């Protein structure tokens, strides 16, 4: 089973791959193609997301405001 790993594919391309490649035989092996199923692993809590560090440009702007 081969799953689509990226969401950057167009719907038309996925449908075409399903029609052409699903069940295709290559080197005496059958290729199976199916739509990817995206699921959230665990629960998402935005409060647990690490905070971004301020950039040096922001620090320079603050210094200029203070002066």
PDB file of N, CA and C in Angstrom:
ATOM      1  N   UNK A   1       0.845  -1.166   0.000  1.00  0.00           N
ATOM      2  CA  UNK A   1       0.000   0.000   0.000  1.00  0.00           C
ATOM      3  C   UNK A   1       0.897   1.238   0.000  1.00  0.00           C
ATOM      4  N   UNK A   2       0.641   2.144  -0.920  1.00  0.00           N
ATOM      5  CA  UNK A   2       1.381   3.394  -1.010  1.00  0.00           C
ATOM      6  C   UNK A   2       0.416   4.524  -0.695  1.00  0.00           C
ATOM      7  N   UNK A   3       0.766   5.355   0.257  1.00  0.00           N
ATOM      8  CA  UNK A   3      -0.120   6.454   0.649  1.00  0.00           C
ATOM      9  C   UNK A   3       0.465   7.782   0.201  1.00  0.00           C
ATOM     10  N   UNK A   4      -0.396   8.697  -0.098  1.00  0.00           N
ATOM     11  CA  UNK A   4       0.025  10.039  -0.463  1.00  0.00           C
ATOM     12  C   UNK A   4       0.528  10.718   0.803  1.00  0.00           C
ATOM     13  N   UNK A   5       1.760  11.183   0.806  1.00  0.00           N
ATOM     14  CA  UNK A   5       2.352  11.770   2.002  1.00  0.00           C
ATOM     15  C   UNK A   5       2.245  13.289   2.043  1.00  0.00           C
ATOM     16  N   UNK A   6       1.942  13.900   0.940  1.00  0.00           N
ATOM     17  CA  UNK A   6       1.889  15.351   0.887  1.00  0.00           C
ATOM     18  C   UNK A   6       0.518  15.808   0.437  1.00  0.00           C
ATOM     19  N   UNK A   7       0.107  16.946   0.940  1.00  0.00           N
ATOM     20  CA  UNK A   7      -1.192  17.472   0.532  1.00  0.00           C
ATOM     21  C   UNK A   7      -1.046  18.416  -0.653  1.00  0.00           C
ATOM     22  N   UNK A   8       0.118  18.431  -1.291  1.00  0.00           N
ATOM     23  CA  UNK A   8       0.368  19.346  -2.390  1.00  0.00           C
ATOM     24  C   UNK A   8      -0.097  18.836  -3.735  1.00  0.00           C
ATOM     25  N   UNK A   9      -0.765  17.708  -3.786  1.00  0.00           N
ATOM     26  CA  UNK A   9      -1.224  17.156  -5.050  1.00  0.00           C
ATOM     27  C   UNK A   9      -2.604  17.690  -5.389  1.00  0.00           C
ATOM     28  N   UNK A  10      -2.842  17.884  -6.664  1.00  0.00           N
ATOM     29  CA  UNK A  10      -4.159  18.337  -7.102  1.00  0.00           C
ATOM     30  C   UNK A  10      -5.128  17.161  -7.080  1.00  0.00           C
ATOM     31  N   UNK A  11      -6.390  17.474  -6.877  1.00  0.00           N
ATOM     32  CA  UNK A  11      -7.427  16.439  -6.801  1.00  0.00           C
ATOM     33  C   UNK A  11      -7.465  15.642  -8.098  1.00  0.00           C
ATOM     34  N   UNK A  12      -7.309  16.322  -9.220  1.00  0.00           N
ATOM     35  CA  UNK A  12      -7.354  15.642 -10.516  1.00  0.00           C
ATOM     36  C   UNK A  12      -6.208  14.642 -10.655  1.00  0.00           C
ATOM     37  N   UNK A  13      -5.029  14.990 -10.132  1.00  0.00           N
ATOM     38  CA  UNK A  13      -3.873  14.095 -10.215  1.00  0.00           C
ATOM     39  C   UNK A  13      -4.086  12.842  -9.375  1.00  0.00           C
ATOM     40  N   UNK A  14      -4.678  13.015  -8.216  1.00  0.00           N
ATOM     41  CA  UNK A  14      -4.935  11.866  -7.342  1.00  0.00           C
ATOM     42  C   UNK A  14      -5.954  10.941  -7.992  1.00  0.00           C
ATOM     43  N   UNK A  15      -7.009  11.523  -8.547  1.00  0.00           N
ATOM     44  CA  UNK A  15      -8.030  10.705  -9.208  1.00  0.00           C
ATOM     45  C   UNK A  15      -7.445   9.952 -10.398  1.00  0.00           C
ATOM     46  N   UNK A  16      -6.578  10.606 -11.160  1.00  0.00           N
ATOM     47  CA  UNK A  16      -5.937   9.963 -12.307  1.00  0.00           C
ATOM     48  C   UNK A  16      -5.046   8.809 -11.843  1.00  0.00           C
ATOM     49  N   UNK A  17      -4.283   9.017 -10.781  1.00  0.00           N
ATOM     50  CA  UNK A  17      -3.426   7.956 -10.247  1.00  0.00           C
ATOM     51  C   UNK A  17      -4.260   6.781  -9.754  1.00  0.00           C
ATOM     52  N   UNK A  18      -5.392   7.075  -9.146  1.00  0.00           N
ATOM     53  CA  UNK A  18      -6.269   5.998  -8.682  1.00  0.00           C
ATOM     54  C   UNK A  18      -6.774   5.169  -9.856  1.00  0.00           C
ATOM     55  N   UNK A  19      -7.169   5.847 -10.926  1.00  0.00           N
ATOM     56  CA  UNK A  19      -7.711   5.125 -12.082  1.00  0.00           C
ATOM     57  C   UNK A  19      -6.634   4.332 -12.814  1.00  0.00           C
ATOM     58  N   UNK A  20      -5.452   4.912 -12.974  1.00  0.00           N
ATOM     59  CA  UNK A  20      -4.421   4.273 -13.799  1.00  0.00           C
ATOM     60  C   UNK A  20      -3.586   3.268 -13.006  1.00  0.00           C
ATOM     61  N   UNK A  21      -3.131   3.656 -11.831  1.00  0.00           N
ATOM     62  CA  UNK A  21      -2.144   2.845 -11.119  1.00  0.00           C
ATOM     63  C   UNK A  21      -2.726   1.789 -10.184  1.00  0.00           C
ATOM     64  N   UNK A  22      -3.928   1.990  -9.680  1.00  0.00           N
ATOM     65  CA  UNK A  22      -4.493   1.025  -8.744  1.00  0.00           C
ATOM     66  C   UNK A  22      -4.756  -0.295  -9.460  1.00  0.00           C
ATOM     67  N   UNK A  23      -4.104  -1.341  -8.994  1.00  0.00           N
ATOM     68  CA  UNK A  23      -4.248  -2.656  -9.601  1.00  0.00           C
ATOM     69  C   UNK A  23      -3.256  -2.920 -10.721  1.00  0.00           C
ATOM     70  N   UNK A  24      -2.401  -1.957 -11.044  1.00  0.00           N
ATOM     71  CA  UNK A  24      -1.409  -2.109 -12.105  1.00  0.00           C
ATOM     72  C   UNK A  24      -0.348  -3.117 -11.671  1.00  0.00           C
ATOM     73  N   UNK A  25       0.114  -3.930 -12.610  1.00  0.00           N
ATOM     74  CA  UNK A  25       1.142  -4.926 -12.302  1.00  0.00           C
ATOM     75  C   UNK A  25       2.486  -4.436 -12.808  1.00  0.00           C
ATOM     76  N   UNK A  26       3.480  -4.456 -11.928  1.00  0.00           N
ATOM     77  CA  UNK A  26       4.835  -4.028 -12.251  1.00  0.00           C
ATOM     78  C   UNK A  26       5.794  -5.052 -11.672  1.00  0.00           C
ATOM     79  N   UNK A  27       6.572  -5.686 -12.538  1.00  0.00           N
ATOM     80  CA  UNK A  27       7.534  -6.717 -12.118  1.00  0.00           C
ATOM     81  C   UNK A  27       6.859  -7.805 -11.284  1.00  0.00           C
ATOM     82  N   UNK A  28       5.756  -8.290 -11.791  1.00  0.00           N
ATOM     83  CA  UNK A  28       4.985  -9.362 -11.151  1.00  0.00           C
ATOM     84  C   UNK A  28       4.454  -8.992  -9.763  1.00  0.00           C
ATOM     85  N   UNK A  29       4.341  -7.719  -9.481  1.00  0.00           N
ATOM     86  CA  UNK A  29       3.750  -7.244  -8.224  1.00  0.00           C
ATOM     87  C   UNK A  29       2.589  -6.315  -8.568  1.00  0.00           C
ATOM     88  N   UNK A  30       1.545  -6.363  -7.769  1.00  0.00           N
ATOM     89  CA  UNK A  30       0.398  -5.498  -7.993  1.00  0.00           C
ATOM     90  C   UNK A  30       0.543  -4.224  -7.164  1.00  0.00           C
ATOM     91  N   UNK A  31       0.338  -3.081  -7.808  1.00  0.00           N
ATOM     92  CA  UNK A  31       0.428  -1.790  -7.133  1.00  0.00           C
ATOM     93  C   UNK A  31      -0.954  -1.405  -6.634  1.00  0.00           C
ATOM     94  N   UNK A  32      -1.031  -1.043  -5.350  1.00  0.00           N
ATOM     95  CA  UNK A  32      -2.286  -0.580  -4.760  1.00  0.00           C
ATOM     96  C   UNK A  32      -2.148   0.912  -4.466  1.00  0.00           C
ATOM     97  N   UNK A  33      -3.105   1.698  -4.909  1.00  0.00           N
ATOM     98  CA  UNK A  33      -3.114   3.142  -4.678  1.00  0.00           C
ATOM     99  C   UNK A  33      -4.427   3.504  -4.007  1.00  0.00           C
ATOM    100  N   UNK A  34      -4.337   4.315  -2.961  1.00  0.00           N
ATOM    101  CA  UNK A  34      -5.552   4.771  -2.289  1.00  0.00           C
ATOM    102  C   UNK A  34      -5.340   6.194  -1.785  1.00  0.00           C
ATOM    103  N   UNK A  35      -6.429   6.872  -1.507  1.00  0.00           N
ATOM    104  CA  UNK A  35      -6.355   8.232  -0.984  1.00  0.00           C
ATOM    105  C   UNK A  35      -5.749   8.209   0.415  1.00  0.00           C
ATOM    106  N   UNK A  36      -4.991   9.241   0.714  1.00  0.00           N
ATOM    107  CA  UNK A  36      -4.402   9.364   2.046  1.00  0.00           C
ATOM    108  C   UNK A  36      -5.481   9.738   3.046  1.00  0.00           C
ATOM    109  N   UNK A  37      -5.327   9.231   4.249  1.00  0.00           N
ATOM    110  CA  UNK A  37      -6.254   9.571   5.324  1.00  0.00           C
ATOM    111  C   UNK A  37      -5.458  10.320   6.387  1.00  0.00           C
ATOM    112  N   UNK A  38      -5.807  11.563   6.597  1.00  0.00           N
ATOM    113  CA  UNK A  38      -5.085  12.400   7.540  1.00  0.00           C
ATOM    114  C   UNK A  38      -5.808  12.399   8.879  1.00  0.00           C
ATOM    115  N   UNK A  39      -5.039  12.103   9.928  1.00  0.00           N
ATOM    116  CA  UNK A  39      -5.602  12.083  11.270  1.00  0.00           C
ATOM    117  C   UNK A  39      -4.628  12.762  12.220  1.00  0.00           C
ATOM    118  N   UNK A  40      -5.172  13.441  13.210  1.00  0.00           N
ATOM    119  CA  UNK A  40      -4.364  14.081  14.226  1.00  0.00           C
ATOM    120  C   UNK A  40      -3.903  13.021  15.216  1.00  0.00           C
ATOM    121  N   UNK A  41      -2.610  12.963  15.460  1.00  0.00           N
ATOM    122  CA  UNK A  41      -2.070  12.001  16.415  1.00  0.00           C
ATOM    123  C   UNK A  41      -2.100  12.636  17.802  1.00  0.00           C
ATOM    124  N   UNK A  42      -2.890  12.098  18.681  1.00  0.00           N
ATOM    125  CA  UNK A  42      -3.005  12.656  20.022  1.00  0.00           C
ATOM    126  C   UNK A  42      -3.895  13.886  20.025  1.00  0.00           C
ATOM    127  N   UNK A  43      -3.752  14.690  21.052  1.00  0.00           N
ATOM    128  CA  UNK A  43      -4.559  15.906  21.143  1.00  0.00           C
ATOM    129  C   UNK A  43      -3.647  17.119  20.972  1.00  0.00           C
ATOM    130  N   UNK A  44      -4.207  18.197  20.465  1.00  0.00           N
ATOM    131  CA  UNK A  44      -3.444  19.409  20.217  1.00  0.00           C
ATOM    132  C   UNK A  44      -3.836  20.460  21.238  1.00  0.00           C
ATOM    133  N   UNK A  45      -2.849  20.998  21.944  1.00  0.00           N
ATOM    134  CA  UNK A  45      -3.077  22.065  22.906  1.00  0.00           C
ATOM    135  C   UNK A  45      -2.185  23.236  22.515  1.00  0.00           C
ATOM    136  N   UNK A  46      -2.757  24.336  22.001  1.00  0.00           N
ATOM    137  CA  UNK A  46      -1.935  25.461  21.554  1.00  0.00           C
ATOM    138  C   UNK A  46      -1.133  26.103  22.681  1.00  0.00           C
ATOM    139  N   UNK A  47      -1.560  25.947  23.922  1.00  0.00           N
ATOM    140  CA  UNK A  47      -0.821  26.521  25.045  1.00  0.00           C
ATOM    141  C   UNK A  47       0.521  25.822  25.242  1.00  0.00           C
ATOM    142  N   UNK A  48       0.631  24.592  24.801  1.00  0.00           N
ATOM    143  CA  UNK A  48       1.872  23.826  24.953  1.00  0.00           C
ATOM    144  C   UNK A  48       2.879  24.118  23.844  1.00  0.00           C
ATOM    145  N   UNK A  49       2.473  24.868  22.845  1.00  0.00           N
ATOM    146  CA  UNK A  49       3.347  25.195  21.719  1.00  0.00           C
ATOM    147  C   UNK A  49       4.497  26.078  22.210  1.00  0.00           C
ATOM    148  N   UNK A  50       5.741  25.765  21.849  1.00  0.00           N
ATOM    149  CA  UNK A  50       6.860  26.594  22.308  1.00  0.00           C
ATOM    150  C   UNK A  50       6.765  28.003  21.727  1.00  0.00           C
ATOM    151  N   UNK A  51       7.108  28.975  22.549  1.00  0.00           N
ATOM    152  CA  UNK A  51       7.044  30.361  22.104  1.00  0.00           C
ATOM    153  C   UNK A  51       8.273  30.684  21.264  1.00  0.00           C
ATOM    154  N   UNK A  52       8.057  31.491  20.231  1.00  0.00           N
ATOM    155  CA  UNK A  52       9.153  31.875  19.350  1.00  0.00           C
ATOM    156  C   UNK A  52      10.012  32.933  20.027  1.00  0.00           C
ATOM    157  N   UNK A  53      11.307  32.856  19.785  1.00  0.00           N
ATOM    158  CA  UNK A  53      12.220  33.856  20.311  1.00  0.00           C
ATOM    159  C   UNK A  53      12.141  35.091  19.432  1.00  0.00           C
ATOM    160  N   UNK A  54      12.298  36.249  20.046  1.00  0.00           N
ATOM    161  CA  UNK A  54      12.265  37.483  19.272  1.00  0.00           C
ATOM    162  C   UNK A  54      13.520  37.578  18.418  1.00  0.00           C
ATOM    163  N   UNK A  55      13.349  38.126  17.268  1.00  0.00           N
ATOM    164  CA  UNK A  55      14.463  38.271  16.341  1.00  0.00           C
ATOM    165  C   UNK A  55      15.338  39.450  16.757  1.00  0.00           C
ATOM    166  N   UNK A  56      16.554  39.467  16.268  1.00  0.00           N
ATOM    167  CA  UNK A  56      17.480  40.542  16.604  1.00  0.00           C
ATOM    168  C   UNK A  56      16.974  41.888  16.090  1.00  0.00           C
ATOM    169  N   UNK A  57      16.213  41.895  15.003  1.00  0.00           N
ATOM    170  CA  UNK A  57      15.662  43.142  14.478  1.00  0.00           C
ATOM    171  C   UNK A  57      14.698  43.757  15.479  1.00  0.00           C
ATOM    172  N   UNK A  58      13.907  42.936  16.115  1.00  0.00           N
ATOM    173  CA  UNK A  58      12.976  43.431  17.120  1.00  0.00           C
ATOM    174  C   UNK A  58      13.734  44.048  18.295  1.00  0.00           C
ATOM    175  N   UNK A  59      14.828  43.434  18.681  1.00  0.00           N
ATOM    176  CA  UNK A  59      15.634  43.961  19.778  1.00  0.00           C
ATOM    177  C   UNK A  59      16.233  45.309  19.407  1.00  0.00           C
ATOM    178  N   UNK A  60      16.694  45.437  18.161  1.00  0.00           N
ATOM    179  CA  UNK A  60      17.263  46.701  17.701  1.00  0.00           C
ATOM    180  C   UNK A  60      16.200  47.797  17.697  1.00  0.00           C
ATOM    181  N   UNK A  61      15.005  47.483  17.274  1.00  0.00           N
ATOM    182  CA  UNK A  61      13.920  48.466  17.264  1.00  0.00           C
ATOM    183  C   UNK A  61      13.588  48.930  18.681  1.00  0.00           C
ATOM    184  N   UNK A  62      13.591  48.009  19.615  1.00  0.00           N
ATOM    185  CA  UNK A  62      13.321  48.372  21.000  1.00  0.00           C
ATOM    186  C   UNK A  62      14.408  49.287  21.551  1.00  0.00           C
ATOM    187  N   UNK A  63      15.660  49.003  21.212  1.00  0.00           N
ATOM    188  CA  UNK A  63      16.764  49.848  21.665  1.00  0.00           C
ATOM    189  C   UNK A  63      16.623  51.256  21.106  1.00  0.00           C
ATOM    190  N   UNK A  64      16.224  51.374  19.843  1.00  0.00           N
ATOM    191  CA  UNK A  64      16.045  52.685  19.224  1.00  0.00           C
ATOM    192  C   UNK A  64      14.908  53.447  19.888  1.00  0.00           C
ATOM    193  N   UNK A  65      13.845  52.755  20.250  1.00  0.00           N
ATOM    194  CA  UNK A  65      12.720  53.407  20.915  1.00  0.00           C
ATOM    195  C   UNK A  65      13.120  53.919  22.295  1.00  0.00           C
ATOM    196  N   UNK A  66      13.964  53.179  22.984  1.00  0.00           N
ATOM    197  CA  UNK A  66      14.406  53.563  24.319  1.00  0.00           C
ATOM    198  C   UNK A  66      15.292  54.805  24.247  1.00  0.00           C
ATOM    199  N   UNK A  67      16.131  54.897  23.242  1.00  0.00           N
ATOM    200  CA  UNK A  67      17.069  56.023  23.096  1.00  0.00           C
ATOM    201  C   UNK A  67      16.426  57.268  22.677  1.00  0.00           C
TER     202      UNK A  67
END
